[in-house]
Amino acid sequence: MKPTATDTPLDLSRLSVLVVDDSLNIRKLVSEMLRSIGLKTVKQASSGIEVFEILKTSPVDLIIMDLVMDQLDGIETAKLLRQGTDSPNRTVPIILITGHTERSNIMRARDAGINEVIAKPFSAQVLLDHLRHVLTQEREWIATAHYTGPDRRCHTPASYAGPWRRARDAEATQLAETATQAV
């Protein structure tokens, strides 16, 4: 049996993660969860504005950010990180945490270039699973006039009949045809 991403040991000790939430209690809770699963460097910010101040002086490998915050919410912060010409790190993976899991918010998060969304409340295991997914299942980076971020397609359903527009789509189609012919 082939090992899955959840079977592979993941060394989180060298990662630097920024936890962003306007609630001090939530920042502390998420930071403790991260430390309990092996992270050593966990930074905290209380607003989207503070994210940019921290990133200018201290690089991070991942951001875990709340949706609803004063001044600058999680989606607007992600948009500025992804599309801003003066962004300190356009490609940093972003996990959004929220209790507002309406479809419209999930779609807005996806369209802002956010990698993953976690519904509150969540456990340390759920957090670890999402971290593992973001860190081990890299998606192609897309930069267009209207979108900048990870490929919004997590997977392509076998029934997809739309146009193939990306270079890697042609490669995937060829591989699938070759596999079909071999059977």
C-alpha atoms as a PDB file:
ATOM      1  CA  MET A   1       0.000   0.000   0.000  1.00  0.00           C
ATOM      2  CA  LYS A   2       1.344   3.433  -0.979  1.00  0.00           C
ATOM      3  CA  PRO A   3       1.851   5.814   1.973  1.00  0.00           C
ATOM      4  CA  THR A   4      -0.442   8.833   2.041  1.00  0.00           C
ATOM      5  CA  ALA A   5       0.452  12.393   3.028  1.00  0.00           C
ATOM      6  CA  THR A   6      -0.937  11.732   6.516  1.00  0.00           C
ATOM      7  CA  ASP A   7       1.423   8.744   6.953  1.00  0.00           C
ATOM      8  CA  THR A   8       4.544  10.745   6.149  1.00  0.00           C
ATOM      9  CA  PRO A   9       6.315  12.215   9.181  1.00  0.00           C
ATOM     10  CA  LEU A  10       6.425  15.994   8.968  1.00  0.00           C
ATOM     11  CA  ASP A  11       9.164  17.955  10.730  1.00  0.00           C
ATOM     12  CA  LEU A  12       7.463  21.166  11.809  1.00  0.00           C
ATOM     13  CA  SER A  13      10.205  22.247  14.205  1.00  0.00           C
ATOM     14  CA  ARG A  14      11.940  24.482  11.646  1.00  0.00           C
ATOM     15  CA  LEU A  15       8.825  26.271  10.461  1.00  0.00           C
ATOM     16  CA  SER A  16       7.958  29.807  11.415  1.00  0.00           C
ATOM     17  CA  VAL A  17       4.213  30.431  11.601  1.00  0.00           C
ATOM     18  CA  LEU A  18       2.349  33.696  12.086  1.00  0.00           C
ATOM     19  CA  VAL A  19      -1.014  33.463  13.875  1.00  0.00           C
ATOM     20  CA  VAL A  20      -3.268  36.446  13.142  1.00  0.00           C
ATOM     21  CA  ASP A  21      -6.458  37.080  15.074  1.00  0.00           C
ATOM     22  CA  ASP A  22      -7.836  40.134  16.856  1.00  0.00           C
ATOM     23  CA  SER A  23      -8.752  37.915  19.812  1.00  0.00           C
ATOM     24  CA  LEU A  24      -5.821  37.384  22.169  1.00  0.00           C
ATOM     25  CA  ASN A  25      -7.456  34.190  23.502  1.00  0.00           C
ATOM     26  CA  ILE A  26      -7.728  32.662  20.015  1.00  0.00           C
ATOM     27  CA  ARG A  27      -4.113  33.637  19.203  1.00  0.00           C
ATOM     28  CA  LYS A  28      -2.933  31.955  22.391  1.00  0.00           C
ATOM     29  CA  LEU A  29      -5.061  28.842  21.780  1.00  0.00           C
ATOM     30  CA  VAL A  30      -3.877  28.377  18.172  1.00  0.00           C
ATOM     31  CA  SER A  31      -0.267  29.100  19.172  1.00  0.00           C
ATOM     32  CA  GLU A  32      -0.427  26.428  21.869  1.00  0.00           C
ATOM     33  CA  MET A  33      -1.949  23.947  19.422  1.00  0.00           C
ATOM     34  CA  LEU A  34       0.925  24.635  17.027  1.00  0.00           C
ATOM     35  CA  ARG A  35       3.509  24.158  19.758  1.00  0.00           C
ATOM     36  CA  SER A  36       1.819  20.915  20.827  1.00  0.00           C
ATOM     37  CA  ILE A  37       2.268  19.488  17.306  1.00  0.00           C
ATOM     38  CA  GLY A  38       5.944  20.410  17.139  1.00  0.00           C
ATOM     39  CA  LEU A  39       6.330  24.011  16.003  1.00  0.00           C
ATOM     40  CA  LYS A  40       8.956  26.008  17.807  1.00  0.00           C
ATOM     41  CA  THR A  41       8.616  29.454  16.180  1.00  0.00           C
ATOM     42  CA  VAL A  42       5.111  30.878  16.469  1.00  0.00           C
ATOM     43  CA  LYS A  43       4.603  34.615  16.048  1.00  0.00           C
ATOM     44  CA  GLN A  44       1.403  36.507  16.684  1.00  0.00           C
ATOM     45  CA  ALA A  45      -0.328  39.533  15.172  1.00  0.00           C
ATOM     46  CA  SER A  46      -3.612  41.138  16.157  1.00  0.00           C
ATOM     47  CA  SER A  47      -4.520  42.632  12.778  1.00  0.00           C
ATOM     48  CA  GLY A  48      -3.974  42.400   9.064  1.00  0.00           C
ATOM     49  CA  ILE A  49      -2.013  45.641   9.222  1.00  0.00           C
ATOM     50  CA  GLU A  50       0.376  44.111  11.763  1.00  0.00           C
ATOM     51  CA  VAL A  51       0.991  41.197   9.367  1.00  0.00           C
ATOM     52  CA  PHE A  52       2.784  43.519   6.952  1.00  0.00           C
ATOM     53  CA  GLU A  53       4.876  45.086   9.726  1.00  0.00           C
ATOM     54  CA  ILE A  54       6.019  41.641  10.890  1.00  0.00           C
ATOM     55  CA  LEU A  55       6.695  40.286   7.392  1.00  0.00           C
ATOM     56  CA  LYS A  56       8.929  43.260   6.523  1.00  0.00           C
ATOM     57  CA  THR A  57      11.380  42.296   9.259  1.00  0.00           C
ATOM     58  CA  SER A  58      10.747  38.639   9.940  1.00  0.00           C
ATOM     59  CA  PRO A  59       9.945  36.067   7.252  1.00  0.00           C
ATOM     60  CA  VAL A  60       7.409  33.338   8.009  1.00  0.00           C
ATOM     61  CA  ASP A  61       6.686  30.015   6.306  1.00  0.00           C
ATOM     62  CA  LEU A  62       2.930  30.023   6.867  1.00  0.00           C
ATOM     63  CA  ILE A  63       0.153  32.337   8.055  1.00  0.00           C
ATOM     64  CA  ILE A  64      -2.898  31.175  10.001  1.00  0.00           C
ATOM     65  CA  MET A  65      -5.385  34.020   9.993  1.00  0.00           C
ATOM     66  CA  ASP A  66      -8.915  34.727  11.163  1.00  0.00           C
ATOM     67  CA  LEU A  67     -11.534  35.949   8.722  1.00  0.00           C
ATOM     68  CA  VAL A  68     -13.238  38.587  10.855  1.00  0.00           C
ATOM     69  CA  MET A  69     -10.864  41.204  12.273  1.00  0.00           C
ATOM     70  CA  ASP A  70     -11.027  44.930  12.894  1.00  0.00           C
ATOM     71  CA  GLN A  71      -9.278  47.295  10.480  1.00  0.00           C
ATOM     72  CA  LEU A  72      -8.383  44.721   7.808  1.00  0.00           C
ATOM     73  CA  ASP A  73     -10.094  41.333   7.631  1.00  0.00           C
ATOM     74  CA  GLY A  74      -8.424  38.062   6.656  1.00  0.00           C
ATOM     75  CA  ILE A  75      -9.610  38.093   3.048  1.00  0.00           C
ATOM     76  CA  GLU A  76      -8.521  41.692   2.415  1.00  0.00           C
ATOM     77  CA  THR A  77      -5.161  40.949   4.046  1.00  0.00           C
ATOM     78  CA  ALA A  78      -4.726  37.916   1.768  1.00  0.00           C
ATOM     79  CA  LYS A  79      -5.595  39.995  -1.310  1.00  0.00           C
ATOM     80  CA  LEU A  80      -3.002  42.600  -0.372  1.00  0.00           C
ATOM     81  CA  LEU A  81      -0.397  39.914   0.295  1.00  0.00           C
ATOM     82  CA  ARG A  82      -1.084  38.182  -3.016  1.00  0.00           C
ATOM     83  CA  GLN A  83      -1.586  41.182  -5.291  1.00  0.00           C
ATOM     84  CA  GLY A  84       0.223  44.089  -3.649  1.00  0.00           C
ATOM     85  CA  THR A  85       3.234  45.365  -5.560  1.00  0.00           C
ATOM     86  CA  ASP A  86       5.023  45.987  -2.275  1.00  0.00           C
ATOM     87  CA  SER A  87       3.964  42.698  -0.666  1.00  0.00           C
ATOM     88  CA  PRO A  88       6.735  41.268   1.534  1.00  0.00           C
ATOM     89  CA  ASN A  89       5.802  37.664   0.583  1.00  0.00           C
ATOM     90  CA  ARG A  90       3.230  37.021  -2.162  1.00  0.00           C
ATOM     91  CA  THR A  91       3.539  33.240  -2.040  1.00  0.00           C
ATOM     92  CA  VAL A  92       3.345  32.538   1.694  1.00  0.00           C
ATOM     93  CA  PRO A  93       0.753  29.806   2.320  1.00  0.00           C
ATOM     94  CA  ILE A  94      -2.332  31.100   4.126  1.00  0.00           C
ATOM     95  CA  ILE A  95      -4.795  29.082   6.179  1.00  0.00           C
ATOM     96  CA  LEU A  96      -7.959  30.958   7.087  1.00  0.00           C
ATOM     97  CA  ILE A  97      -9.797  30.084  10.299  1.00  0.00           C
ATOM     98  CA  THR A  98     -13.394  31.154  10.672  1.00  0.00           C
ATOM     99  CA  GLY A  99     -16.714  30.471  12.280  1.00  0.00           C
ATOM    100  CA  HIS A 100     -18.394  32.051   9.236  1.00  0.00           C
ATOM    101  CA  THR A 101     -18.335  29.132   6.823  1.00  0.00           C
ATOM    102  CA  GLU A 102     -21.043  30.259   4.447  1.00  0.00           C
ATOM    103  CA  ARG A 103     -20.324  29.298   0.847  1.00  0.00           C
ATOM    104  CA  SER A 104     -19.877  32.975  -0.097  1.00  0.00           C
ATOM    105  CA  ASN A 105     -17.060  33.370   2.445  1.00  0.00           C
ATOM    106  CA  ILE A 106     -15.341  30.181   1.273  1.00  0.00           C
ATOM    107  CA  MET A 107     -15.524  31.368  -2.347  1.00  0.00           C
ATOM    108  CA  ARG A 108     -14.200  34.825  -1.407  1.00  0.00           C
ATOM    109  CA  ALA A 109     -11.325  33.181   0.489  1.00  0.00           C
ATOM    110  CA  ARG A 110     -10.496  30.942  -2.469  1.00  0.00           C
ATOM    111  CA  ASP A 111     -10.611  33.917  -4.844  1.00  0.00           C
ATOM    112  CA  ALA A 112      -8.310  35.910  -2.558  1.00  0.00           C
ATOM    113  CA  GLY A 113      -5.613  33.235  -2.894  1.00  0.00           C
ATOM    114  CA  ILE A 114      -6.079  31.542   0.469  1.00  0.00           C
ATOM    115  CA  ASN A 115      -4.764  27.963   0.463  1.00  0.00           C
ATOM    116  CA  GLU A 116      -7.079  26.336   3.025  1.00  0.00           C
ATOM    117  CA  VAL A 117     -10.058  27.202   5.232  1.00  0.00           C
ATOM    118  CA  ILE A 118     -10.641  25.663   8.666  1.00  0.00           C
ATOM    119  CA  ALA A 119     -14.027  25.962  10.373  1.00  0.00           C
ATOM    120  CA  LYS A 120     -14.053  26.961  14.037  1.00  0.00           C
ATOM    121  CA  PRO A 121     -14.030  25.233  16.435  1.00  0.00           C
ATOM    122  CA  PHE A 122     -11.258  22.864  15.418  1.00  0.00           C
ATOM    123  CA  SER A 123      -8.841  20.471  17.078  1.00  0.00           C
ATOM    124  CA  ALA A 124      -5.054  20.289  16.964  1.00  0.00           C
ATOM    125  CA  GLN A 125      -5.444  17.241  14.683  1.00  0.00           C
ATOM    126  CA  VAL A 126      -7.547  19.208  12.184  1.00  0.00           C
ATOM    127  CA  LEU A 127      -4.956  21.983  12.252  1.00  0.00           C
ATOM    128  CA  LEU A 128      -2.164  19.457  11.701  1.00  0.00           C
ATOM    129  CA  ASP A 129      -4.045  17.853   8.798  1.00  0.00           C
ATOM    130  CA  HIS A 130      -4.448  21.219   7.068  1.00  0.00           C
ATOM    131  CA  LEU A 131      -0.819  22.156   7.730  1.00  0.00           C
ATOM    132  CA  ARG A 132       0.292  18.845   6.284  1.00  0.00           C
ATOM    133  CA  HIS A 133      -1.881  19.332   3.213  1.00  0.00           C
ATOM    134  CA  VAL A 134      -0.606  22.853   2.534  1.00  0.00           C
ATOM    135  CA  LEU A 135       3.019  21.846   3.046  1.00  0.00           C
ATOM    136  CA  THR A 136       3.004  18.574   1.102  1.00  0.00           C
ATOM    137  CA  GLN A 137       0.423  19.100  -1.636  1.00  0.00           C
ATOM    138  CA  GLU A 138       1.792  22.133  -3.446  1.00  0.00           C
ATOM    139  CA  ARG A 139      -0.418  23.630  -6.104  1.00  0.00           C
ATOM    140  CA  GLU A 140       0.768  25.505  -9.159  1.00  0.00           C
ATOM    141  CA  TRP A 141       1.152  29.267  -8.622  1.00  0.00           C
ATOM    142  CA  ILE A 142      -1.144  31.367 -10.820  1.00  0.00           C
ATOM    143  CA  ALA A 143      -0.558  35.081 -11.490  1.00  0.00           C
ATOM    144  CA  THR A 144      -2.996  36.839 -13.812  1.00  0.00           C
ATOM    145  CA  ALA A 145      -4.565  40.283 -14.004  1.00  0.00           C
ATOM    146  CA  HIS A 146      -7.538  39.054 -11.963  1.00  0.00           C
ATOM    147  CA  TYR A 147      -6.083  36.428  -9.634  1.00  0.00           C
ATOM    148  CA  THR A 148      -2.822  35.695  -7.854  1.00  0.00           C
ATOM    149  CA  GLY A 149      -2.406  32.631  -5.672  1.00  0.00           C
ATOM    150  CA  PRO A 150      -2.368  28.845  -5.656  1.00  0.00           C
ATOM    151  CA  ASP A 151      -4.290  27.062  -8.393  1.00  0.00           C
ATOM    152  CA  ARG A 152      -7.888  27.202  -7.212  1.00  0.00           C
ATOM    153  CA  ARG A 153      -8.511  23.710  -8.554  1.00  0.00           C
ATOM    154  CA  CYS A 154      -7.620  21.246  -5.820  1.00  0.00           C
ATOM    155  CA  HIS A 155      -8.422  18.421  -8.217  1.00  0.00           C
ATOM    156  CA  THR A 156     -10.075  17.958 -11.571  1.00  0.00           C
ATOM    157  CA  PRO A 157     -13.089  15.634 -11.623  1.00  0.00           C
ATOM    158  CA  ALA A 158     -12.973  12.821 -14.168  1.00  0.00           C
ATOM    159  CA  SER A 159     -16.233  14.144 -15.643  1.00  0.00           C
ATOM    160  CA  TYR A 160     -14.741  17.597 -16.415  1.00  0.00           C
ATOM    161  CA  ALA A 161     -15.546  18.527 -20.026  1.00  0.00           C
ATOM    162  CA  GLY A 162     -14.399  22.167 -20.059  1.00  0.00           C
ATOM    163  CA  PRO A 163     -11.430  23.696 -21.852  1.00  0.00           C
ATOM    164  CA  TRP A 164      -7.862  22.716 -20.905  1.00  0.00           C
ATOM    165  CA  ARG A 165      -5.956  25.997 -20.683  1.00  0.00           C
ATOM    166  CA  ARG A 166      -2.873  25.375 -18.597  1.00  0.00           C
ATOM    167  CA  ALA A 167       0.395  23.834 -19.764  1.00  0.00           C
ATOM    168  CA  ARG A 168       0.227  21.074 -17.165  1.00  0.00           C
ATOM    169  CA  ASP A 169      -3.301  20.198 -18.295  1.00  0.00           C
ATOM    170  CA  ALA A 170      -1.924  18.913 -21.597  1.00  0.00           C
ATOM    171  CA  GLU A 171       0.595  16.763 -19.708  1.00  0.00           C
ATOM    172  CA  ALA A 172      -2.120  15.349 -17.432  1.00  0.00           C
ATOM    173  CA  THR A 173      -4.335  14.586 -20.431  1.00  0.00           C
ATOM    174  CA  GLN A 174      -1.499  12.738 -22.172  1.00  0.00           C
ATOM    175  CA  LEU A 175      -0.769  10.695 -19.043  1.00  0.00           C
ATOM    176  CA  ALA A 176      -4.426   9.773 -18.653  1.00  0.00           C
ATOM    177  CA  GLU A 177      -4.695   8.749 -22.311  1.00  0.00           C
ATOM    178  CA  THR A 178      -1.521   6.664 -22.042  1.00  0.00           C
ATOM    179  CA  ALA A 179      -2.847   4.939 -18.911  1.00  0.00           C
ATOM    180  CA  THR A 180      -6.184   4.243 -20.610  1.00  0.00           C
ATOM    181  CA  GLN A 181      -4.479   2.771 -23.682  1.00  0.00           C
ATOM    182  CA  ALA A 182      -2.301   0.526 -21.496  1.00  0.00           C
ATOM    183  CA  VAL A 183      -5.395  -1.107 -19.965  1.00  0.00           C
END
